[in-house]
Protein backbone atom coordinates (compact mmCIF):
# COMPACT_ATOMS: atom_id res chain seq x y z
CA MET A 1 0.00 0.00 0.00
CA PRO A 2 1.57 3.31 -1.05
CA LYS A 3 2.49 5.73 1.68
CA LYS A 4 1.30 9.34 1.78
CA THR A 5 4.04 11.70 0.69
CA GLN A 6 4.82 14.98 2.42
CA GLY A 7 3.56 17.06 -0.55
CA GLN A 8 -0.01 15.70 -0.34
CA ALA A 9 -2.52 17.78 1.68
CA GLY A 10 -6.17 17.46 2.83
CA PHE A 11 -8.81 19.30 4.85
CA THR A 12 -8.41 19.74 8.52
CA LEU A 13 -11.29 19.19 10.94
CA ILE A 14 -11.63 22.94 11.53
CA GLU A 15 -11.91 23.62 7.78
CA VAL A 16 -14.60 20.95 7.40
CA MET A 17 -16.57 22.42 10.31
CA ILE A 18 -16.36 25.93 8.86
CA ALA A 19 -17.56 24.67 5.46
CA LEU A 20 -20.49 22.87 7.07
CA MET A 21 -21.39 25.99 9.04
CA ILE A 22 -21.38 28.14 5.90
CA PHE A 23 -23.50 25.56 4.06
CA GLY A 24 -25.96 25.49 6.97
CA MET A 25 -26.25 29.28 6.96
CA ILE A 26 -26.95 29.32 3.20
CA ALA A 27 -29.51 26.53 3.56
CA ALA A 28 -31.27 28.32 6.46
CA ALA A 29 -31.41 31.57 4.46
CA GLY A 30 -32.88 29.70 1.49
CA VAL A 31 -35.57 28.08 3.65
CA ALA A 32 -36.45 31.46 5.22
CA LEU A 33 -36.69 33.08 1.79
CA LEU A 34 -38.91 30.28 0.51
CA ALA A 35 -41.19 30.52 3.57
CA PHE A 36 -41.47 34.30 3.12
CA SER A 37 -42.38 33.84 -0.55
CA VAL A 38 -45.10 31.33 0.33
CA ARG A 39 -46.57 33.65 3.01
CA ALA A 40 -46.45 36.63 0.66
CA GLN A 41 -48.18 34.66 -2.07
CA GLY A 42 -50.89 33.54 0.36
CA ALA A 43 -51.45 37.10 1.60
CA SER A 44 -51.60 38.44 -1.96
CA GLY A 45 -54.09 35.76 -2.95
CA ALA A 46 -56.32 36.56 0.04
CA ALA A 47 -56.18 40.30 -0.73
CA LEU A 48 -57.07 39.70 -4.39
CA ASP A 49 -59.95 37.41 -3.41
CA ASP A 50 -61.25 40.09 -1.03
CA ILE A 51 -61.05 42.82 -3.69
CA GLY A 52 -62.79 40.47 -6.12
CA ALA A 53 -65.61 39.90 -3.62
CA ILE A 54 -66.16 43.66 -3.20
CA ASN A 55 -66.18 44.17 -6.97
CA ARG A 56 -68.58 41.24 -7.36
CA LEU A 57 -70.97 42.76 -4.81
CA SER A 58 -70.81 46.11 -6.59
CA SER A 59 -71.50 44.50 -9.98
CA ILE A 60 -74.41 42.39 -8.75
CA LEU A 61 -76.01 45.30 -6.90
CA THR A 62 -75.55 47.53 -9.95
CA ALA A 63 -77.39 45.01 -12.14
CA ASP A 64 -80.17 44.34 -9.63
CA LEU A 65 -80.85 47.97 -8.71
CA ALA A 66 -80.63 49.29 -12.27
CA GLN A 67 -83.28 46.78 -13.38
CA ALA A 68 -85.59 47.26 -10.37
CA VAL A 69 -89.26 47.43 -11.37
CA ASP A 70 -92.50 48.46 -9.68
CA ARG A 71 -94.04 45.05 -9.05
CA PRO A 72 -95.40 44.33 -5.54
CA THR A 73 -95.24 40.70 -4.44
CA ARG A 74 -96.69 38.35 -1.82
CA ASP A 75 -94.81 36.14 0.63
CA GLN A 76 -95.58 32.51 1.52
CA ASN A 77 -98.35 33.65 3.87
CA GLY A 78 -100.00 35.79 1.21
CA THR A 79 -98.92 39.08 2.78
CA ARG A 80 -98.54 41.85 0.22
CA LEU A 81 -95.02 43.28 0.04
CA PRO A 82 -93.96 46.58 -1.58
CA ALA A 83 -91.94 46.44 -4.78
CA PHE A 84 -88.90 47.90 -3.02
CA THR A 85 -87.97 48.00 0.66
CA GLY A 86 -84.67 48.64 2.37
CA GLY A 87 -82.98 49.94 5.48
CA SER A 88 -80.13 49.34 7.89
CA GLY A 89 -80.71 46.88 10.73
CA GLN A 90 -83.75 45.19 9.21
CA VAL A 91 -84.09 41.66 7.80
CA PRO A 92 -83.72 41.56 4.91
CA MET A 93 -81.81 44.80 4.57
CA LEU A 94 -82.91 45.10 0.92
CA ARG A 95 -85.76 43.55 -1.06
CA LEU A 96 -86.67 44.33 -4.66
CA VAL A 97 -88.03 42.91 -7.89
CA ARG A 98 -85.68 43.08 -10.86
CA GLY A 99 -86.15 42.45 -14.55
CA GLY A 100 -83.86 40.75 -17.02
CA TRP A 101 -83.78 37.36 -15.28
CA SER A 102 -82.21 35.17 -17.97
CA ASN A 103 -84.14 32.02 -18.88
CA ILE A 104 -81.66 29.93 -20.84
CA ASP A 105 -83.63 26.68 -20.34
CA GLN A 106 -86.92 28.33 -21.41
CA SER A 107 -88.56 27.32 -18.12
CA PRO A 108 -92.21 28.29 -17.56
CA ARG A 109 -91.47 31.31 -15.38
CA ALA A 110 -91.38 35.08 -15.50
CA THR A 111 -88.36 37.16 -16.48
CA LEU A 112 -88.85 39.12 -13.23
CA GLN A 113 -87.27 37.88 -10.02
CA LYS A 114 -87.64 38.85 -6.38
CA VAL A 115 -84.26 39.13 -4.65
CA GLU A 116 -83.19 39.97 -1.12
CA TYR A 117 -79.92 40.98 0.51
CA GLN A 118 -79.24 40.16 4.15
CA LEU A 119 -76.36 40.71 6.55
CA THR A 120 -75.51 37.60 8.57
CA ALA A 121 -72.61 36.47 10.74
CA SER A 122 -71.00 35.07 7.59
CA GLY A 123 -71.30 38.29 5.56
CA ILE A 124 -73.63 39.71 2.92
CA GLU A 125 -75.84 37.10 1.26
CA ARG A 126 -78.10 37.35 -1.78
CA VAL A 127 -81.33 35.34 -1.84
CA GLY A 128 -83.36 34.75 -4.98
CA TYR A 129 -86.90 33.43 -5.37
CA PRO A 130 -88.09 31.04 -8.10
CA ALA A 131 -91.43 32.86 -8.33
CA LEU A 132 -92.67 36.31 -7.42
CA ASP A 133 -95.62 35.31 -5.23
CA GLY A 134 -95.88 32.67 -2.53
CA ALA A 135 -92.62 30.87 -3.27
CA ALA A 136 -90.00 29.69 -0.80
CA PRO A 137 -86.55 31.26 -1.22
CA LEU A 138 -83.71 29.56 -3.03
CA PRO A 139 -80.47 28.83 -1.09
CA ALA A 140 -78.60 32.00 -0.13
CA ALA A 141 -75.39 32.89 -1.97
CA LEU A 142 -72.60 34.41 0.12
CA ILE A 143 -71.05 37.36 -1.76
CA VAL A 144 -68.77 39.13 0.74
CA GLU A 145 -67.37 37.76 3.99
CA GLY A 146 -66.19 39.66 7.05
CA VAL A 147 -68.70 42.52 7.06
CA ARG A 148 -69.23 44.20 10.43
CA GLN A 149 -71.84 46.77 9.38
CA ALA A 150 -73.89 47.64 6.30
CA THR A 151 -75.65 51.01 6.15
CA TRP A 152 -78.16 51.94 3.45
CA ARG A 153 -79.49 55.32 2.35
CA PHE A 154 -82.01 56.05 -0.39
CA ARG A 155 -82.51 59.22 -2.43
CA TYR A 156 -85.74 60.52 -3.89
CA ALA A 157 -86.70 64.01 -5.08
CA GLY A 158 -83.46 65.50 -3.79
CA ALA A 159 -83.64 64.06 -0.24
CA TRP A 160 -81.90 61.13 1.44
CA SER A 161 -83.62 58.67 3.79
CA ASP A 162 -82.27 55.83 5.95
CA ARG A 163 -85.25 53.59 5.12
CA TRP A 164 -87.46 53.01 2.12
CA GLU A 165 -90.93 51.50 1.91
CA GLY A 166 -92.33 51.62 -1.58
CA THR A 167 -95.72 53.28 -2.04
CA PRO A 168 -98.02 53.63 -5.07
CA VAL A 169 -96.84 57.25 -5.43
CA ALA A 170 -93.12 56.46 -5.06
CA ALA A 171 -92.47 52.76 -5.54
CA LEU A 172 -88.74 53.05 -6.17
CA PRO A 173 -86.06 55.45 -4.96
CA GLN A 174 -83.95 57.19 -7.56
CA ALA A 175 -80.61 56.16 -6.08
CA ALA A 176 -79.18 54.07 -3.25
CA GLU A 177 -76.02 54.31 -1.18
CA LEU A 178 -74.38 51.39 0.63
CA THR A 179 -71.58 51.86 3.17
CA LEU A 180 -69.75 48.72 4.28
CA VAL A 181 -67.49 48.43 7.31
CA ARG A 182 -65.28 45.33 7.25
CA GLU A 183 -64.09 43.39 10.28
CA ASP A 184 -60.64 44.97 9.95
CA GLY A 185 -62.12 48.50 9.99
CA ARG A 186 -61.88 49.24 6.27
CA SER A 187 -64.84 51.18 4.86
CA TYR A 188 -66.34 51.16 1.36
CA ARG A 189 -68.99 53.52 -0.01
CA MET A 190 -70.96 52.59 -3.14
CA LEU A 191 -73.57 54.59 -5.07
CA PHE A 192 -76.17 53.06 -7.39
CA LEU A 193 -78.90 54.28 -9.72
CA VAL A 194 -82.22 52.51 -9.16
CA GLY A 195 -84.59 51.44 -11.92
CA THR A 196 -82.93 53.47 -14.66
CA GLY A 197 -85.17 51.91 -17.28
CA SER A 198 -88.51 52.31 -15.49
CA PRO A 199 -90.83 55.34 -15.48
CA ARG A 200 -90.84 57.68 -12.48
CA ALA A 201 -93.85 58.69 -10.46
CA ARG A 202 -94.07 62.48 -10.25
CA VAL A 203 -94.17 64.13 -6.86
CA SER A 204 -95.94 67.44 -6.40
CA GLY A 205 -93.42 70.24 -6.74
CA ALA A 206 -90.57 67.91 -7.86
CA PRO A 207 -89.32 67.30 -11.40
CA GLY A 208 -89.78 63.90 -12.97
CA VAL A 209 -86.17 63.70 -14.14
CA ASN A 210 -83.36 62.73 -11.82
CA PRO A 211 -81.40 66.02 -11.39
CA PHE A 212 -78.22 64.62 -9.88
CA PRO A 213 -75.50 62.49 -11.48
CA ILE A 214 -74.30 59.35 -9.71
CA PRO A 215 -70.87 57.94 -10.69
CA THR A 216 -70.22 54.29 -11.48
CA PRO A 217 -70.23 52.43 -8.15
CA THR A 218 -66.71 51.44 -7.14
CA PRO A 219 -65.19 50.90 -3.69
CA ASN A 220 -63.69 54.11 -2.40
CA ALA A 221 -61.02 54.80 0.18
CA PRO A 222 -62.18 54.88 3.81
CA ARG A 223 -64.02 58.01 4.74
């Protein structure tokens, strides 16, 4: 067996330990960077989902309120309900009849649909009905989670009101405002036109044309 000559050299124990320590530091930094990337991606995904839910609520409310019609309904007990009711703290917080209900399957039903919005512990839910009168509600669809408070206001003939009960003289408001307060304290304010395609009932001393412009409803910065 050949003997090791004096010119041959190897690693000492100290050098090996230093190399292992450096490798361990690089590996730990890589794991920390990967964990940070995963957490950042999860947080970004949650934030995008939350923004999408707010935009979805705004889009659905825009469609429902813009197509609101003056059509009173009856509940399962036969009680007559106004075409449009709404207010903060009541259940449901908004009830209306909207047109344009698509009927792809050509089912024997109307193109009008009664819909309700309610604030629950889960968030804001939308409830649809298969028929206008006497029908049981369909399963609720959760639109936005984590809502602490939802405040409505309704505008008619230049004045705002915290509640609305449709009457034969004024079945629908001209505009609606929804202010949401999330569980984390963020606030969103949305403005909607109501029944833009339906005729308006004239009020004595008030014009029949809506005199104020309302911008496209989008979530705004906290007030």
